[in-house]
Protein backbone atom coordinates (compact mmCIF):
# COMPACT_ATOMS: atom_id res chain seq x y z
CA MET A 1 115.65 116.91 99.29
CA PHE A 2 118.80 117.31 101.41
CA THR A 3 118.20 121.07 101.61
CA MET A 4 114.67 120.51 102.93
CA LEU A 5 115.93 117.97 105.45
CA GLY A 6 118.46 120.53 106.67
CA CYS A 7 115.68 123.12 106.97
CA LEU A 8 113.59 120.57 108.88
CA VAL A 9 116.38 120.05 111.42
CA LEU A 10 116.68 123.83 111.87
CA VAL A 11 112.90 124.20 112.38
CA LEU A 12 112.91 121.37 114.93
CA LEU A 13 115.71 122.99 116.91
CA LEU A 14 113.92 126.34 116.88
CA SER A 15 110.67 124.72 117.98
CA LEU A 16 112.39 122.93 120.86
CA SER A 17 114.17 126.11 121.93
CA LEU A 18 111.57 128.87 121.64
CA GLY A 19 108.45 129.46 123.72
CA GLN A 20 107.47 131.18 126.95
CA GLN A 21 110.82 129.95 128.25
CA THR A 22 113.87 129.82 125.98
CA ILE A 23 115.66 126.50 126.26
CA ASN A 24 119.03 125.25 125.03
CA PRO A 25 118.09 121.81 123.62
CA PHE A 26 121.71 120.63 123.97
CA GLN A 27 121.92 121.45 127.69
CA LEU A 28 118.76 120.61 129.62
CA ASP A 29 118.19 120.62 133.37
CA PRO A 30 115.47 118.29 134.78
CA LEU A 31 112.72 120.95 134.59
CA GLN A 32 113.60 121.88 131.00
CA LEU A 33 113.69 118.20 130.04
CA LYS A 34 110.17 117.78 131.42
CA ILE A 35 108.98 120.84 129.44
CA VAL A 36 110.47 119.40 126.26
CA LEU A 37 109.11 115.87 126.70
CA ASP A 38 105.66 116.71 128.07
CA LEU A 39 104.82 119.94 126.24
CA ARG A 40 106.97 120.79 123.25
CA LEU A 41 107.73 117.38 121.76
CA PRO A 42 104.04 116.36 121.44
CA ARG A 43 103.29 119.70 119.75
CA ILE A 44 106.18 119.23 117.33
CA VAL A 45 105.10 115.70 116.39
CA VAL A 46 101.45 116.73 115.97
CA ALA A 47 102.44 119.79 113.89
CA LEU A 48 104.68 117.70 111.61
CA LEU A 49 102.04 115.02 111.05
CA MET A 50 99.20 117.50 110.66
CA GLY A 51 101.08 119.88 108.35
CA GLY A 52 102.41 116.99 106.29
CA SER A 53 98.91 115.59 105.85
CA LEU A 54 97.53 118.95 104.73
CA GLY A 55 100.43 119.57 102.35
CA VAL A 56 99.94 116.25 100.57
CA ALA A 57 96.13 116.61 100.54
CA GLY A 58 96.48 120.02 98.89
CA ALA A 59 98.87 118.64 96.26
CA ILE A 60 96.40 115.85 95.47
CA LEU A 61 93.36 118.11 95.19
CA GLN A 62 95.14 120.69 93.03
CA GLY A 63 96.21 117.96 90.63
CA VAL A 64 92.94 116.05 90.55
CA PHE A 65 90.77 119.10 89.89
CA ARG A 66 93.39 121.07 87.94
CA ASN A 67 92.63 124.00 90.21
CA PRO A 68 95.48 126.05 91.74
CA LEU A 69 93.15 127.22 94.54
CA ALA A 70 92.14 123.77 95.75
CA ASP A 71 93.00 122.66 99.26
CA PRO A 72 91.06 120.91 102.05
CA TYR A 73 90.20 124.21 103.76
CA VAL A 74 89.04 126.13 100.69
CA LEU A 75 87.00 123.19 99.35
CA GLY A 76 85.22 122.70 102.68
CA THR A 77 86.65 119.23 103.34
CA SER A 78 88.25 120.37 106.60
CA SER A 79 84.96 121.90 107.76
CA GLY A 80 83.10 118.68 107.04
CA ALA A 81 85.69 116.63 108.91
CA ALA A 82 85.65 119.09 111.82
CA LEU A 83 81.86 119.09 112.13
CA ALA A 84 81.69 115.30 112.25
CA ALA A 85 84.65 115.07 114.62
CA ALA A 86 83.20 117.76 116.90
CA PHE A 87 80.27 115.50 117.77
CA GLY A 88 82.70 112.81 118.87
CA LEU A 89 84.93 115.31 120.68
CA LEU A 90 82.06 116.81 122.67
CA ALA A 91 80.35 113.48 123.33
CA THR A 92 83.49 111.73 124.59
CA GLN A 93 85.25 114.78 126.13
CA GLY A 94 88.33 113.97 124.07
CA THR A 95 88.52 110.28 125.08
CA GLY A 96 87.28 108.90 121.75
CA ILE A 97 90.67 107.78 120.42
CA TRP A 98 89.12 105.89 117.50
CA LEU A 99 85.77 107.64 117.27
CA VAL A 100 87.01 111.18 116.53
CA PRO A 101 89.33 110.22 113.62
CA LEU A 102 86.73 107.90 112.07
CA LEU A 103 84.02 110.55 112.30
CA ALA A 104 86.45 113.06 110.76
CA LEU A 105 87.05 110.65 107.87
CA THR A 106 83.33 110.20 107.33
CA GLY A 107 82.75 113.95 107.33
CA ALA A 108 85.62 114.54 104.90
CA LEU A 109 84.37 111.87 102.47
CA VAL A 110 80.76 113.07 102.51
CA THR A 111 81.78 116.70 102.07
CA SER A 112 84.14 115.85 99.20
CA ALA A 113 81.36 113.95 97.43
CA VAL A 114 78.88 116.81 97.85
CA VAL A 115 81.36 119.47 96.68
CA VAL A 116 82.39 117.46 93.62
CA SER A 117 78.73 116.84 92.78
CA LEU A 118 77.91 120.55 93.01
CA GLY A 119 81.04 121.46 91.03
CA ARG A 120 80.09 119.25 88.11
CA ASP A 121 78.12 120.19 85.01
CA ALA A 122 77.45 118.50 81.68
CA TRP A 123 81.13 118.93 80.68
CA GLY A 124 82.62 117.61 83.89
CA VAL A 125 84.03 119.21 87.04
CA ARG A 126 84.57 122.95 86.53
CA ALA A 127 87.17 124.84 88.56
CA GLU A 128 85.03 127.90 89.25
CA ARG A 129 81.97 125.83 90.19
CA LEU A 130 84.09 123.62 92.43
CA LEU A 131 85.62 126.61 94.20
CA LEU A 132 82.26 128.30 94.79
CA ALA A 133 80.69 125.03 95.95
CA GLY A 134 83.55 124.40 98.37
CA VAL A 135 83.43 127.89 99.85
CA GLY A 136 79.64 127.76 100.22
CA ILE A 137 79.60 124.30 101.79
CA GLY A 138 82.48 125.28 104.08
CA PHE A 139 80.63 128.34 105.39
CA PHE A 140 77.45 126.31 105.87
CA LEU A 141 79.20 123.55 107.81
CA SER A 142 81.13 126.08 109.90
CA ALA A 143 77.83 127.73 110.83
CA ILE A 144 76.41 124.37 111.93
CA LEU A 145 79.56 123.71 113.93
CA MET A 146 79.20 127.04 115.72
CA LEU A 147 75.57 126.19 116.46
CA VAL A 148 76.57 122.83 117.93
CA MET A 149 79.17 124.50 120.13
CA SER A 150 76.74 127.19 121.29
CA LEU A 151 74.42 124.44 122.55
CA ALA A 152 77.20 122.54 124.30
CA GLN A 153 78.43 122.99 127.85
CA ALA A 154 80.82 125.87 128.54
CA ASP A 155 83.94 123.75 129.00
CA GLY A 156 83.19 121.81 125.84
CA VAL A 157 82.67 125.04 123.89
CA LYS A 158 86.02 126.47 124.97
CA ARG A 159 87.83 123.27 124.04
CA ALA A 160 86.10 123.07 120.67
CA LEU A 161 86.73 126.77 119.91
CA LEU A 162 90.47 126.36 120.47
CA TRP A 163 90.39 123.15 118.46
CA MET A 164 88.61 124.92 115.59
CA ALA A 165 91.32 127.59 115.51
CA GLY A 166 94.07 125.00 115.09
CA ASP A 167 95.44 125.42 118.60
CA LEU A 168 98.11 122.83 119.36
CA ALA A 169 98.58 123.73 123.03
CA GLY A 170 96.59 120.69 124.07
CA ALA A 171 98.45 118.27 121.81
CA ASP A 172 99.12 114.88 123.36
CA TRP A 173 100.07 111.39 122.25
CA SER A 174 96.64 109.77 122.58
CA VAL A 175 95.31 110.34 119.06
CA VAL A 176 98.69 110.20 117.27
CA PRO A 177 98.68 106.41 116.53
CA VAL A 178 95.22 106.41 114.92
CA ALA A 179 95.78 109.66 113.01
CA SER A 180 99.19 108.42 111.86
CA LEU A 181 97.57 105.28 110.51
CA LEU A 182 95.06 107.33 108.49
CA MET A 183 97.87 109.56 107.24
CA LEU A 184 100.07 106.65 106.15
CA ILE A 185 97.21 104.93 104.32
CA GLY A 186 96.30 108.16 102.52
CA PHE A 187 99.93 108.99 101.70
CA PHE A 188 100.82 105.57 100.29
CA LEU A 189 97.52 105.40 98.38
CA ALA A 190 98.41 108.74 96.76
CA LEU A 191 101.93 107.50 95.97
CA ALA A 192 100.50 104.34 94.44
CA ARG A 193 98.29 106.48 92.17
CA ARG A 194 101.01 109.03 91.34
CA ARG A 195 100.85 108.12 87.64
CA GLY A 196 97.12 108.82 87.62
CA LEU A 197 97.68 112.10 89.50
CA ASN A 198 100.21 113.25 86.90
CA ALA A 199 97.81 112.31 84.10
CA LEU A 200 94.75 113.99 85.65
CA ALA A 201 96.75 117.19 86.14
CA LEU A 202 97.08 117.29 82.33
CA GLY A 203 93.41 116.46 81.65
CA ASP A 204 91.11 113.48 81.30
CA GLU A 205 92.05 113.06 77.64
CA VAL A 206 95.68 112.46 78.59
CA ALA A 207 94.60 109.97 81.25
CA PHE A 208 92.50 108.07 78.70
CA GLY A 209 95.42 108.10 76.29
CA LEU A 210 97.64 106.49 78.93
CA GLY A 211 95.12 103.71 79.49
CA LEU A 212 93.79 105.05 82.79
CA GLU A 213 90.19 105.45 83.89
CA PRO A 214 89.87 109.08 85.07
CA GLY A 215 86.81 108.42 87.24
CA ARG A 216 88.51 105.59 89.11
CA GLU A 217 91.75 107.52 89.54
CA ARG A 218 89.91 110.61 90.76
CA THR A 219 87.87 108.59 93.28
CA LEU A 220 90.95 106.89 94.75
CA LEU A 221 92.87 110.15 94.97
CA VAL A 222 89.97 112.01 96.61
CA LEU A 223 89.78 109.11 99.10
CA ALA A 224 93.49 109.59 99.81
CA ALA A 225 93.00 113.35 100.32
CA SER A 226 90.05 112.66 102.63
CA LEU A 227 92.11 110.24 104.74
CA LEU A 228 94.86 112.84 105.06
CA THR A 229 92.41 115.62 105.91
CA ALA A 230 90.72 113.45 108.53
CA ALA A 231 94.09 112.69 110.11
CA ALA A 232 94.95 116.40 110.26
CA VAL A 233 91.60 117.42 111.76
CA ALA A 234 91.71 114.64 114.35
CA LEU A 235 95.19 115.76 115.41
CA GLY A 236 94.60 119.47 115.83
CA GLY A 237 91.37 120.77 114.35
CA ILE A 238 91.06 123.16 111.41
CA VAL A 239 94.18 124.72 109.95
CA GLY A 240 93.79 126.53 106.67
CA PHE A 241 96.01 127.35 103.70
CA VAL A 242 98.87 124.92 104.41
CA GLY A 243 97.58 122.71 101.60
CA LEU A 244 97.28 125.77 99.35
CA MET A 245 100.72 127.32 99.82
CA VAL A 246 103.07 124.36 100.21
CA PRO A 247 102.37 122.45 96.94
CA HIS A 248 102.82 125.66 94.93
CA ALA A 249 106.19 126.32 96.55
CA VAL A 250 107.28 122.70 96.03
CA ARG A 251 106.27 122.67 92.35
CA ALA A 252 108.18 125.92 91.81
CA LEU A 253 111.31 124.20 93.16
CA VAL A 254 111.14 120.66 91.69
CA GLY A 255 108.50 120.71 88.96
CA ALA A 256 105.09 119.05 88.79
CA ASP A 257 106.01 115.35 88.94
CA ALA A 258 103.95 113.77 91.74
CA ARG A 259 106.84 111.46 92.64
CA ARG A 260 108.66 114.50 94.00
CA VAL A 261 105.75 116.80 94.84
CA LEU A 262 103.99 114.42 97.25
CA PRO A 263 106.88 113.61 99.64
CA LEU A 264 108.27 117.16 99.53
CA SER A 265 104.79 118.58 100.22
CA ALA A 266 104.67 116.37 103.31
CA LEU A 267 108.02 117.73 104.48
CA GLY A 268 107.14 121.33 103.60
CA GLY A 269 103.71 121.19 105.22
CA GLY A 270 105.13 119.75 108.43
CA MET A 271 107.83 122.42 108.58
CA LEU A 272 105.39 125.26 107.89
CA LEU A 273 102.93 124.24 110.61
CA CYS A 274 105.71 123.51 113.11
CA LEU A 275 107.16 126.97 112.44
CA ALA A 276 103.71 128.59 112.70
CA ASP A 277 103.15 126.93 116.08
CA THR A 278 106.57 128.09 117.28
CA VAL A 279 105.85 131.67 116.20
CA GLY A 280 102.41 131.56 117.82
CA ARG A 281 103.72 130.59 121.23
CA SER A 282 106.78 132.88 121.13
CA VAL A 283 105.75 136.34 119.87
CA LEU A 284 103.40 137.44 122.69
CA PRO A 285 104.21 135.38 125.80
CA PRO A 286 102.43 134.30 127.93
CA VAL A 287 99.59 134.61 125.37
CA GLU A 288 99.63 131.91 122.67
CA ILE A 289 98.34 132.51 119.16
CA PRO A 290 96.87 129.31 117.64
CA ALA A 291 98.90 127.92 114.76
CA GLY A 292 95.80 128.04 112.56
CA VAL A 293 95.60 131.80 113.07
CA VAL A 294 99.25 132.24 112.04
CA THR A 295 98.80 130.20 108.85
CA ALA A 296 95.62 132.13 108.03
CA LEU A 297 97.43 135.47 108.39
CA ILE A 298 99.98 134.23 105.85
CA GLY A 299 97.67 132.16 103.66
CA ALA A 300 94.75 134.55 103.16
CA PRO A 301 96.83 137.12 101.21
CA TRP A 302 98.40 134.21 99.29
CA PHE A 303 94.93 132.95 98.39
CA LEU A 304 93.88 136.38 97.12
CA ILE A 305 97.01 136.64 94.97
CA MET A 306 96.42 133.16 93.53
CA LEU A 307 92.75 133.97 92.96
CA ARG A 308 93.67 137.07 90.97
CA ARG A 309 96.19 135.13 88.87
CA ALA A 310 93.73 132.32 88.25
CA THR A 311 91.00 134.79 87.29
CA ASN A 312 93.27 136.75 84.95
CA GLY A 313 94.56 133.53 83.40
CA GLY A 314 91.14 131.94 83.24
CA MET A 315 90.03 128.86 85.15
CA ARG A 316 88.80 125.77 83.41
C-alpha cells in the first residue's frame, strides 16, 4: 500500500509538471499557477476518479463472472452508459449536472442486465457467451451512438467525439460532485459485499456453502459496478481496458482477496489513467492524444494476450 501511495505521489508530480509547457510545481509564477489550478488540476482529479472507478468496476466484474477478460468496456457497459449519457450531453450542451450521470447509470444498468441475460444458458452464466454478448452489444450501441452524433449539430458532434475517445482536455469541476457520489456509493457497496465477491470468484457452490445467496450477491455487485461505470463515463466518456489491466496487476501483487484488491484497484486505476493523460498531452505538443487512445494502445495487446491464455486454459 505504501509503495502504491509513493507511486501515486510521483504520478501526481509528473502530471502537474508535464504538458505543452513544463512547470516546476514547487516554484510557480502567477501564470503557471493559473495553468495548474484551471487546467491541470481538474484533469488530474477527473483522471483519478475516473480511473479508480474503472479499476474497481473491472475487479468486481472479473470476480462476479469468473472471467479474466471482463471489464466495463469489453462487456459493453461503458457503451451503454455512454449512449444514454450522450442524449443528455447533446440535449443540455453539457449543463446537465445531474441528468448526464443519472442517464449514464440507467444505460449501464440496462446494458448489464441485457448482457448477463444473453450470456446465460441452462447451466448459468457462461464466460464465453458473456464475452461474445458484451462485445456484440458494445458494437451495436457504439453504432447507435455514432448515428446519434451524425444527426446532431456540428459543435455537438465534435464535443461528443472527443468525449467518446476519453479526452480529458475539457475536464472541469461541474460534474465531479455528482460523479463522486455515484463512485463512493458503488465503491462502498462493493466493499460491503466483499465476502460475497470472494465467494463468487470461487463459484456459486462455495457461495452457497458459506450461507450466501449467489443471485442476490451478483445483483448487488453488478449494481456497484454499474454505479462506478456511470461515474467514469459521466466524468470523461469512454476509456477502455483500465478495468481489464489494473485488477490483474493488483492480484499478481497482493493476491485475490477483495479486501485488498478493491482499494488497490482504485489507486492503480487512478494512477494509470492520470499517467495516460499526462503522456497524451506531452508526447506531441501542441497536439493532444486523448487518454482513452493511450489506454487502448496499451490495453488492446494486453486483451489479446489474456484472450489467448484464457482460450488455451479454457473458459468456464
